[in-house]
């Protein structure tokens, strides 16, 4: 247990916290999002993140190691009072990411993201309440790392895109310029 409650962040060599395992079981896949890349359990880069420098829209592309083009793109809506982003996975269906109180919604497909603290621990649920992923932010770090425990591997690209948006939201809310 951390200073402000359970911290669900873990390095890839550490086990998933016991509370998460007791609630949802073991994840199908574990990833670690670092400053500009996402690595898997074998420490291989599976995605890299390229953001536009000096932009207020947080335009970002996410690439994987298998394709030549981006697998997802997102950007922040200008002149929005809340955290509103538009995400476009490679298949081309735009999704809107927005805050709803302390939590977030991704529509379509109707995902709900419950958060704890300032984007510290996040749980992503589909429209039927099934767990898709648990995301934990490293609490005391300058590198802004996130662990991503994926329970729905068929949604991996979308989950990584949402985790990257959450990272941008955290950066905006804390004036962190490392994103």
Protein backbone atom coordinates (compact mmCIF):
# COMPACT_ATOMS: atom_id res chain seq x y z
CA UNK A 1 0.00 0.00 0.00
CA UNK A 2 1.38 3.38 -1.00
CA UNK A 3 1.21 6.64 0.91
CA UNK A 4 -2.12 7.64 -0.70
CA UNK A 5 -3.71 4.20 -1.17
CA UNK A 6 -2.85 1.24 -3.33
CA UNK A 7 -0.41 1.98 -6.12
CA UNK A 8 -1.08 -0.33 -9.04
CA UNK A 9 2.03 0.66 -10.98
CA UNK A 10 4.61 -2.08 -11.33
CA UNK A 11 7.72 -2.65 -13.35
CA UNK A 12 7.55 -5.59 -15.74
CA UNK A 13 9.78 -7.69 -13.50
CA UNK A 14 7.39 -7.13 -10.55
CA UNK A 15 4.14 -9.03 -10.05
CA UNK A 16 0.75 -7.43 -10.61
CA UNK A 17 -0.59 -6.19 -7.25
CA UNK A 18 -2.59 -8.76 -5.30
CA UNK A 19 -5.79 -6.67 -5.18
CA UNK A 20 -5.94 -6.42 -8.98
CA UNK A 21 -5.33 -10.17 -9.38
CA UNK A 22 -8.02 -11.01 -6.81
CA UNK A 23 -10.57 -8.76 -8.58
CA UNK A 24 -9.79 -9.48 -12.24
CA UNK A 25 -7.34 -12.38 -12.42
CA UNK A 26 -3.98 -12.29 -14.17
CA UNK A 27 -3.77 -10.04 -17.24
CA UNK A 28 -3.38 -11.55 -20.70
CA UNK A 29 -0.55 -9.12 -21.51
CA UNK A 30 1.57 -6.66 -19.54
CA UNK A 31 3.14 -3.53 -21.04
CA UNK A 32 5.16 -0.60 -19.71
CA UNK A 33 4.73 2.86 -21.25
CA UNK A 34 7.84 4.95 -20.89
CA UNK A 35 8.49 8.44 -22.23
CA UNK A 36 8.33 7.65 -25.95
CA UNK A 37 7.92 3.89 -26.15
CA UNK A 38 5.91 0.94 -24.91
CA UNK A 39 7.78 -2.26 -24.06
CA UNK A 40 6.53 -5.78 -23.37
CA UNK A 41 7.52 -8.29 -20.68
CA UNK A 42 10.66 -9.27 -22.61
CA UNK A 43 11.69 -5.59 -22.73
CA UNK A 44 11.13 -5.40 -26.50
CA UNK A 45 9.71 -2.17 -27.90
CA UNK A 46 6.23 -2.96 -29.28
CA UNK A 47 4.99 0.63 -29.80
CA UNK A 48 6.63 4.01 -30.02
CA UNK A 49 4.95 7.34 -29.51
CA UNK A 50 5.67 10.44 -31.55
CA UNK A 51 4.13 13.71 -30.38
CA UNK A 52 4.28 17.07 -32.11
CA UNK A 53 6.55 19.44 -30.28
CA UNK A 54 5.26 22.83 -29.17
CA UNK A 55 1.61 22.14 -29.79
CA UNK A 56 -1.42 22.87 -27.66
CA UNK A 57 -3.42 20.10 -29.35
CA UNK A 58 -1.13 17.24 -28.22
CA UNK A 59 -1.14 15.69 -31.71
CA UNK A 60 0.31 12.23 -31.27
CA UNK A 61 0.89 9.18 -33.46
CA UNK A 62 1.44 5.68 -32.12
CA UNK A 63 3.42 3.20 -34.22
CA UNK A 64 4.02 -0.48 -33.72
CA UNK A 65 7.08 -2.43 -34.79
CA UNK A 66 5.19 -4.41 -37.46
CA UNK A 67 3.61 -1.66 -39.59
CA UNK A 68 5.12 1.25 -41.47
CA UNK A 69 2.33 3.69 -40.64
CA UNK A 70 0.71 4.74 -37.38
CA UNK A 71 -1.67 2.29 -35.67
CA UNK A 72 -3.43 5.17 -33.89
CA UNK A 73 -3.53 8.97 -33.86
CA UNK A 74 -5.03 11.35 -31.33
CA UNK A 75 -5.28 15.06 -30.70
CA UNK A 76 -6.82 17.38 -28.17
CA UNK A 77 -9.86 19.47 -29.01
CA UNK A 78 -9.00 23.13 -29.04
CA UNK A 79 -10.93 25.47 -26.76
CA UNK A 80 -12.31 22.72 -24.56
CA UNK A 81 -12.72 23.32 -20.84
CA UNK A 82 -12.39 19.63 -20.08
CA UNK A 83 -9.99 16.95 -21.26
CA UNK A 84 -11.49 16.18 -24.66
CA UNK A 85 -9.48 14.26 -27.24
CA UNK A 86 -10.25 12.53 -30.52
CA UNK A 87 -8.62 9.15 -31.13
CA UNK A 88 -8.41 7.47 -34.53
CA UNK A 89 -7.18 3.87 -34.58
CA UNK A 90 -5.77 2.61 -37.89
CA UNK A 91 -9.11 1.04 -38.83
CA UNK A 92 -10.41 4.60 -39.16
CA UNK A 93 -13.25 4.88 -36.61
CA UNK A 94 -12.91 8.13 -34.66
CA UNK A 95 -13.47 7.86 -30.92
CA UNK A 96 -14.09 10.76 -28.56
CA UNK A 97 -12.34 10.74 -25.17
CA UNK A 98 -13.80 13.13 -22.61
CA UNK A 99 -14.07 13.64 -18.89
CA UNK A 100 -17.23 12.93 -16.99
CA UNK A 101 -16.61 14.21 -13.51
CA UNK A 102 -13.55 12.47 -12.12
CA UNK A 103 -13.73 9.69 -14.69
CA UNK A 104 -13.51 9.45 -18.49
CA UNK A 105 -15.59 8.04 -21.34
CA UNK A 106 -14.49 6.79 -24.76
CA UNK A 107 -17.37 6.94 -27.22
CA UNK A 108 -17.90 4.90 -29.30
CA UNK A 109 -17.44 2.08 -28.09
CA UNK A 110 -18.83 3.28 -24.74
CA UNK A 111 -15.80 2.52 -22.58
CA UNK A 112 -15.70 3.91 -19.05
CA UNK A 113 -12.43 4.76 -17.35
CA UNK A 114 -12.51 5.05 -13.60
CA UNK A 115 -9.60 6.95 -12.12
CA UNK A 116 -8.07 7.35 -8.72
CA UNK A 117 -6.26 10.58 -7.91
CA UNK A 118 -4.77 12.60 -10.75
CA UNK A 119 -4.75 9.80 -13.32
CA UNK A 120 -2.89 7.58 -10.87
CA UNK A 121 -4.72 4.26 -11.09
CA UNK A 122 -7.17 3.70 -13.93
CA UNK A 123 -9.49 0.85 -14.80
CA UNK A 124 -10.95 0.62 -18.30
CA UNK A 125 -14.31 -1.13 -18.67
CA UNK A 126 -16.27 -1.84 -21.84
CA UNK A 127 -19.92 -0.82 -22.28
CA UNK A 128 -21.06 -4.00 -20.52
CA UNK A 129 -18.82 -3.48 -17.47
CA UNK A 130 -16.18 -6.06 -18.45
CA UNK A 131 -12.61 -5.14 -17.46
CA UNK A 132 -10.37 -4.29 -20.42
CA UNK A 133 -7.25 -2.97 -18.69
CA UNK A 134 -5.76 -1.67 -15.46
CA UNK A 135 -3.30 1.20 -15.77
CA UNK A 136 -1.01 2.38 -13.00
CA UNK A 137 1.11 5.54 -13.06
CA UNK A 138 4.47 5.54 -11.33
CA UNK A 139 4.02 7.84 -8.37
CA UNK A 140 7.47 9.29 -7.70
CA UNK A 141 9.16 9.70 -11.05
CA UNK A 142 10.32 12.33 -13.49
CA UNK A 143 9.80 9.98 -16.44
CA UNK A 144 6.01 9.61 -16.16
CA UNK A 145 5.85 5.81 -16.60
CA UNK A 146 2.64 3.74 -16.77
CA UNK A 147 2.12 0.01 -16.38
CA UNK A 148 -0.65 -1.38 -18.56
CA UNK A 149 -2.25 -4.71 -17.63
CA UNK A 150 -4.38 -5.82 -20.58
CA UNK A 151 -7.30 -8.20 -20.06
CA UNK A 152 -8.71 -7.88 -23.61
CA UNK A 153 -5.74 -8.42 -25.98
CA UNK A 154 -7.94 -7.90 -29.05
CA UNK A 155 -8.30 -4.25 -27.92
CA UNK A 156 -4.57 -3.70 -27.30
CA UNK A 157 -4.00 -0.87 -29.80
CA UNK A 158 -7.00 1.07 -28.52
CA UNK A 159 -5.97 0.47 -24.91
CA UNK A 160 -2.43 1.73 -25.62
CA UNK A 161 -3.91 4.80 -27.36
CA UNK A 162 -6.18 5.50 -24.38
CA UNK A 163 -3.24 5.05 -21.97
CA UNK A 164 -1.25 7.55 -24.02
CA UNK A 165 -4.17 10.01 -23.89
CA UNK A 166 -4.34 9.52 -20.11
CA UNK A 167 -0.63 10.34 -19.99
CA UNK A 168 -1.34 13.56 -21.93
CA UNK A 169 -4.22 14.41 -19.58
CA UNK A 170 -1.90 13.96 -16.62
CA UNK A 171 0.68 16.20 -18.30
CA UNK A 172 -1.89 18.91 -18.98
CA UNK A 173 -3.31 18.82 -15.45
CA UNK A 174 0.10 18.94 -13.81
CA UNK A 175 1.83 21.18 -16.37
CA UNK A 176 4.29 18.38 -17.02
CA UNK A 177 6.27 19.08 -20.20
CA UNK A 178 7.82 15.61 -20.54
CA UNK A 179 5.01 14.33 -22.80
